[in-house]
Amino acid sequence: MNSVTIRTLLVRGMLAGLAAGVVALVVAFLLGEPRVDAAIAFEEAHSHGHEHEVEVVSRGMQSTAGLATGVLVYGVALGGIAALVFCFMLGRIGRFGARTTAALLAGAALLVYLVPFLKYPANPPAVGDPDTIGQRTALYFLMMLLGILLAVGATILGRRLA
């Protein structure tokens, strides 16, 4: 692939990531934020210590501009990474066309996401023992590594069977 094609695909991937980020932002704001606010209110109502720490970033900023910045930057970055991986893999995983290669990469990405999620789903605020967060984080990343290895293994097996 020449550099113009790669640049074009990168820009398109980043724009697709931006569009996906906008959709994710709307969903997170309309469906996620009310539940986070309810969980925070529940936590505050049941906390024994009534010490209020100074907020570095207000909850209002977190739930609006902070959420938008995080989700949109993440979407653009993920779209760009996906485009670059697609450019690298096109023609290297078999004699597949562009659409089939993109579908296979999307399936591999889903596998990398799904493996750790099935074992360690996301927790709402105030759930879990804070003393074990390092261990849980390490286990989550090990499960992600397992997902990556499964995706690579499936690719190798598919090439050999073809």
C-alpha atoms as a PDB file:
ATOM      1  CA  MET A   1       0.000   0.000   0.000  1.00  0.00           C
ATOM      2  CA  ASN A   2       1.243   3.471  -0.731  1.00  0.00           C
ATOM      3  CA  SER A   3       1.332   6.264   1.818  1.00  0.00           C
ATOM      4  CA  VAL A   4      -1.604   8.145   0.255  1.00  0.00           C
ATOM      5  CA  THR A   5      -3.861   5.108   0.639  1.00  0.00           C
ATOM      6  CA  ILE A   6      -2.737   4.537   4.214  1.00  0.00           C
ATOM      7  CA  ARG A   7      -3.301   8.215   5.066  1.00  0.00           C
ATOM      8  CA  THR A   8      -6.766   8.098   3.495  1.00  0.00           C
ATOM      9  CA  LEU A   9      -7.681   4.944   5.406  1.00  0.00           C
ATOM     10  CA  LEU A  10      -6.307   6.418   8.640  1.00  0.00           C
ATOM     11  CA  VAL A  11      -8.402   9.565   8.255  1.00  0.00           C
ATOM     12  CA  ARG A  12     -11.494   7.510   7.418  1.00  0.00           C
ATOM     13  CA  GLY A  13     -10.858   5.245  10.409  1.00  0.00           C
ATOM     14  CA  MET A  14     -10.506   8.235  12.700  1.00  0.00           C
ATOM     15  CA  LEU A  15     -13.711   9.776  11.328  1.00  0.00           C
ATOM     16  CA  ALA A  16     -15.532   6.471  11.831  1.00  0.00           C
ATOM     17  CA  GLY A  17     -14.162   6.387  15.374  1.00  0.00           C
ATOM     18  CA  LEU A  18     -15.407   9.945  15.929  1.00  0.00           C
ATOM     19  CA  ALA A  19     -18.883   8.966  14.703  1.00  0.00           C
ATOM     20  CA  ALA A  20     -18.879   5.920  16.967  1.00  0.00           C
ATOM     21  CA  GLY A  21     -17.675   8.135  19.819  1.00  0.00           C
ATOM     22  CA  VAL A  22     -20.598  10.514  19.321  1.00  0.00           C
ATOM     23  CA  VAL A  23     -23.045   7.592  19.471  1.00  0.00           C
ATOM     24  CA  ALA A  24     -21.283   6.213  22.561  1.00  0.00           C
ATOM     25  CA  LEU A  25     -21.383   9.663  24.176  1.00  0.00           C
ATOM     26  CA  VAL A  26     -25.143   9.974  23.671  1.00  0.00           C
ATOM     27  CA  VAL A  27     -25.720   6.473  25.059  1.00  0.00           C
ATOM     28  CA  ALA A  28     -23.401   7.053  28.027  1.00  0.00           C
ATOM     29  CA  PHE A  29     -24.967  10.409  28.841  1.00  0.00           C
ATOM     30  CA  LEU A  30     -28.584   9.250  28.540  1.00  0.00           C
ATOM     31  CA  LEU A  31     -28.299   5.727  29.953  1.00  0.00           C
ATOM     32  CA  GLY A  32     -25.097   5.583  31.981  1.00  0.00           C
ATOM     33  CA  GLU A  33     -24.870   8.892  33.816  1.00  0.00           C
ATOM     34  CA  PRO A  34     -28.211   8.600  35.681  1.00  0.00           C
ATOM     35  CA  ARG A  35     -27.100   5.215  37.034  1.00  0.00           C
ATOM     36  CA  VAL A  36     -23.695   6.544  38.046  1.00  0.00           C
ATOM     37  CA  ASP A  37     -25.393   9.445  39.840  1.00  0.00           C
ATOM     38  CA  ALA A  38     -27.717   6.983  41.608  1.00  0.00           C
ATOM     39  CA  ALA A  39     -24.749   4.817  42.642  1.00  0.00           C
ATOM     40  CA  ILE A  40     -22.878   7.848  43.997  1.00  0.00           C
ATOM     41  CA  ALA A  41     -25.968   8.970  45.922  1.00  0.00           C
ATOM     42  CA  PHE A  42     -26.363   5.452  47.340  1.00  0.00           C
ATOM     43  CA  GLU A  43     -22.716   5.374  48.349  1.00  0.00           C
ATOM     44  CA  GLU A  44     -22.930   8.762  50.048  1.00  0.00           C
ATOM     45  CA  ALA A  45     -26.137   7.801  51.863  1.00  0.00           C
ATOM     46  CA  HIS A  46     -24.566   4.648  53.275  1.00  0.00           C
ATOM     47  CA  SER A  47     -21.108   5.959  54.094  1.00  0.00           C
ATOM     48  CA  HIS A  48     -20.241   6.149  57.760  1.00  0.00           C
ATOM     49  CA  GLY A  49     -17.613   8.840  57.449  1.00  0.00           C
ATOM     50  CA  HIS A  50     -19.157  12.206  56.726  1.00  0.00           C
ATOM     51  CA  GLU A  51     -15.899  13.812  55.690  1.00  0.00           C
ATOM     52  CA  HIS A  52     -16.237  15.513  52.348  1.00  0.00           C
ATOM     53  CA  GLU A  53     -13.028  15.623  50.368  1.00  0.00           C
ATOM     54  CA  VAL A  54     -12.245  18.574  48.170  1.00  0.00           C
ATOM     55  CA  GLU A  55     -13.218  17.766  44.603  1.00  0.00           C
ATOM     56  CA  VAL A  56     -10.414  18.333  42.125  1.00  0.00           C
ATOM     57  CA  VAL A  57     -12.872  18.028  39.250  1.00  0.00           C
ATOM     58  CA  SER A  58     -16.561  18.622  39.874  1.00  0.00           C
ATOM     59  CA  ARG A  59     -19.118  15.919  39.151  1.00  0.00           C
ATOM     60  CA  GLY A  60     -20.782  18.256  36.659  1.00  0.00           C
ATOM     61  CA  MET A  61     -17.540  18.593  34.713  1.00  0.00           C
ATOM     62  CA  GLN A  62     -16.978  14.828  34.834  1.00  0.00           C
ATOM     63  CA  SER A  63     -20.424  14.013  33.498  1.00  0.00           C
ATOM     64  CA  THR A  64     -20.365  16.537  30.632  1.00  0.00           C
ATOM     65  CA  ALA A  65     -17.109  17.867  29.193  1.00  0.00           C
ATOM     66  CA  GLY A  66     -14.982  15.152  30.817  1.00  0.00           C
ATOM     67  CA  LEU A  67     -17.198  12.381  29.478  1.00  0.00           C
ATOM     68  CA  ALA A  68     -17.301  13.952  26.015  1.00  0.00           C
ATOM     69  CA  THR A  69     -13.546  14.447  25.886  1.00  0.00           C
ATOM     70  CA  GLY A  70     -12.770  10.929  27.054  1.00  0.00           C
ATOM     71  CA  VAL A  71     -15.240   9.138  24.814  1.00  0.00           C
ATOM     72  CA  LEU A  72     -14.498  11.167  21.679  1.00  0.00           C
ATOM     73  CA  VAL A  73     -10.711  10.999  22.025  1.00  0.00           C
ATOM     74  CA  TYR A  74     -10.960   7.268  22.713  1.00  0.00           C
ATOM     75  CA  GLY A  75     -13.196   6.783  19.656  1.00  0.00           C
ATOM     76  CA  VAL A  76     -10.862   8.698  17.345  1.00  0.00           C
ATOM     77  CA  ALA A  77      -7.794   6.862  18.667  1.00  0.00           C
ATOM     78  CA  LEU A  78      -9.439   3.452  18.409  1.00  0.00           C
ATOM     79  CA  GLY A  79     -10.669   4.195  14.891  1.00  0.00           C
ATOM     80  CA  GLY A  80      -7.148   5.225  13.856  1.00  0.00           C
ATOM     81  CA  ILE A  81      -5.580   2.136  15.403  1.00  0.00           C
ATOM     82  CA  ALA A  82      -8.164  -0.090  13.720  1.00  0.00           C
ATOM     83  CA  ALA A  83      -7.421   1.543  10.360  1.00  0.00           C
ATOM     84  CA  LEU A  84      -3.668   1.031  10.764  1.00  0.00           C
ATOM     85  CA  VAL A  85      -4.145  -2.612  11.791  1.00  0.00           C
ATOM     86  CA  PHE A  86      -6.399  -3.071   8.772  1.00  0.00           C
ATOM     87  CA  CYS A  87      -3.710  -1.587   6.496  1.00  0.00           C
ATOM     88  CA  PHE A  88      -1.137  -3.937   7.977  1.00  0.00           C
ATOM     89  CA  MET A  89      -3.317  -7.061   7.793  1.00  0.00           C
ATOM     90  CA  LEU A  90      -4.808  -6.547   4.322  1.00  0.00           C
ATOM     91  CA  GLY A  91      -3.413  -9.344   2.189  1.00  0.00           C
ATOM     92  CA  ARG A  92      -1.498 -10.933   5.065  1.00  0.00           C
ATOM     93  CA  ILE A  93      -4.176 -13.181   6.569  1.00  0.00           C
ATOM     94  CA  GLY A  94      -5.214 -14.837   3.346  1.00  0.00           C
ATOM     95  CA  ARG A  95      -6.626 -13.994  -0.037  1.00  0.00           C
ATOM     96  CA  PHE A  96      -9.501 -12.005   1.358  1.00  0.00           C
ATOM     97  CA  GLY A  97     -10.899  -8.763   0.044  1.00  0.00           C
ATOM     98  CA  ALA A  98     -11.022  -5.550   2.012  1.00  0.00           C
ATOM     99  CA  ARG A  99     -14.513  -6.141   3.421  1.00  0.00           C
ATOM    100  CA  THR A 100     -13.758  -9.685   4.542  1.00  0.00           C
ATOM    101  CA  THR A 101     -10.487  -8.583   6.146  1.00  0.00           C
ATOM    102  CA  ALA A 102     -12.304  -5.774   7.982  1.00  0.00           C
ATOM    103  CA  ALA A 103     -14.987  -8.207   9.178  1.00  0.00           C
ATOM    104  CA  LEU A 104     -12.363 -10.691  10.391  1.00  0.00           C
ATOM    105  CA  LEU A 105     -10.497  -7.944  12.256  1.00  0.00           C
ATOM    106  CA  ALA A 106     -13.742  -6.763  13.838  1.00  0.00           C
ATOM    107  CA  GLY A 107     -14.460 -10.337  14.946  1.00  0.00           C
ATOM    108  CA  ALA A 108     -10.969 -10.643  16.402  1.00  0.00           C
ATOM    109  CA  ALA A 109     -11.414  -7.341  18.265  1.00  0.00           C
ATOM    110  CA  LEU A 110     -14.745  -8.567  19.633  1.00  0.00           C
ATOM    111  CA  LEU A 111     -13.041 -11.731  20.850  1.00  0.00           C
ATOM    112  CA  VAL A 112     -10.308  -9.698  22.578  1.00  0.00           C
ATOM    113  CA  TYR A 113     -13.029  -7.635  24.306  1.00  0.00           C
ATOM    114  CA  LEU A 114     -15.409 -10.485  25.097  1.00  0.00           C
ATOM    115  CA  VAL A 115     -12.967 -12.895  26.777  1.00  0.00           C
ATOM    116  CA  PRO A 116     -12.084 -10.654  29.753  1.00  0.00           C
ATOM    117  CA  PHE A 117     -15.598  -9.184  29.947  1.00  0.00           C
ATOM    118  CA  LEU A 118     -17.173 -12.590  30.502  1.00  0.00           C
ATOM    119  CA  LYS A 119     -14.890 -13.225  33.478  1.00  0.00           C
ATOM    120  CA  TYR A 120     -14.576  -9.682  34.856  1.00  0.00           C
ATOM    121  CA  PRO A 121     -17.589  -7.494  33.945  1.00  0.00           C
ATOM    122  CA  ALA A 122     -17.444  -3.804  34.780  1.00  0.00           C
ATOM    123  CA  ASN A 123     -18.275  -2.843  38.361  1.00  0.00           C
ATOM    124  CA  PRO A 124     -20.295   0.182  39.406  1.00  0.00           C
ATOM    125  CA  PRO A 125     -18.841   2.586  41.976  1.00  0.00           C
ATOM    126  CA  ALA A 126     -18.388   1.273  45.526  1.00  0.00           C
ATOM    127  CA  VAL A 127     -18.355  -2.386  44.454  1.00  0.00           C
ATOM    128  CA  GLY A 128     -15.377  -4.572  45.181  1.00  0.00           C
ATOM    129  CA  ASP A 129     -12.573  -4.596  47.678  1.00  0.00           C
ATOM    130  CA  PRO A 130     -10.117  -1.729  47.101  1.00  0.00           C
ATOM    131  CA  ASP A 131      -7.276  -3.878  48.456  1.00  0.00           C
ATOM    132  CA  THR A 132      -7.584  -6.262  45.486  1.00  0.00           C
ATOM    133  CA  ILE A 133      -7.728  -3.720  42.661  1.00  0.00           C
ATOM    134  CA  GLY A 134      -4.145  -4.438  41.588  1.00  0.00           C
ATOM    135  CA  GLN A 135      -4.829  -8.160  41.417  1.00  0.00           C
ATOM    136  CA  ARG A 136      -8.112  -7.685  39.551  1.00  0.00           C
ATOM    137  CA  THR A 137      -6.459  -5.333  37.053  1.00  0.00           C
ATOM    138  CA  ALA A 138      -3.648  -7.812  36.419  1.00  0.00           C
ATOM    139  CA  LEU A 139      -6.139 -10.647  35.916  1.00  0.00           C
ATOM    140  CA  TYR A 140      -8.196  -8.511  33.518  1.00  0.00           C
ATOM    141  CA  PHE A 141      -5.130  -7.769  31.385  1.00  0.00           C
ATOM    142  CA  LEU A 142      -4.132 -11.430  31.439  1.00  0.00           C
ATOM    143  CA  MET A 143      -7.596 -12.277  30.122  1.00  0.00           C
ATOM    144  CA  MET A 144      -7.129  -9.648  27.394  1.00  0.00           C
ATOM    145  CA  LEU A 145      -3.829 -11.308  26.495  1.00  0.00           C
ATOM    146  CA  LEU A 146      -5.676 -14.630  26.322  1.00  0.00           C
ATOM    147  CA  GLY A 147      -8.195 -13.055  23.943  1.00  0.00           C
ATOM    148  CA  ILE A 148      -5.387 -11.742  21.731  1.00  0.00           C
ATOM    149  CA  LEU A 149      -3.703 -15.148  21.706  1.00  0.00           C
ATOM    150  CA  LEU A 150      -7.021 -16.801  20.806  1.00  0.00           C
ATOM    151  CA  ALA A 151      -7.520 -14.353  17.916  1.00  0.00           C
ATOM    152  CA  VAL A 152      -3.975 -14.954  16.625  1.00  0.00           C
ATOM    153  CA  GLY A 153      -4.410 -18.725  17.034  1.00  0.00           C
ATOM    154  CA  ALA A 154      -7.697 -18.625  15.132  1.00  0.00           C
ATOM    155  CA  THR A 155      -6.007 -16.698  12.323  1.00  0.00           C
ATOM    156  CA  ILE A 156      -3.141 -19.179  12.111  1.00  0.00           C
ATOM    157  CA  LEU A 157      -5.537 -22.140  12.211  1.00  0.00           C
ATOM    158  CA  GLY A 158      -7.705 -20.556   9.522  1.00  0.00           C
ATOM    159  CA  ARG A 159      -4.728 -20.051   7.225  1.00  0.00           C
ATOM    160  CA  ARG A 160      -3.586 -23.632   7.686  1.00  0.00           C
ATOM    161  CA  LEU A 161      -7.051 -25.047   7.074  1.00  0.00           C
ATOM    162  CA  ALA A 162      -7.447 -22.930   3.950  1.00  0.00           C
END
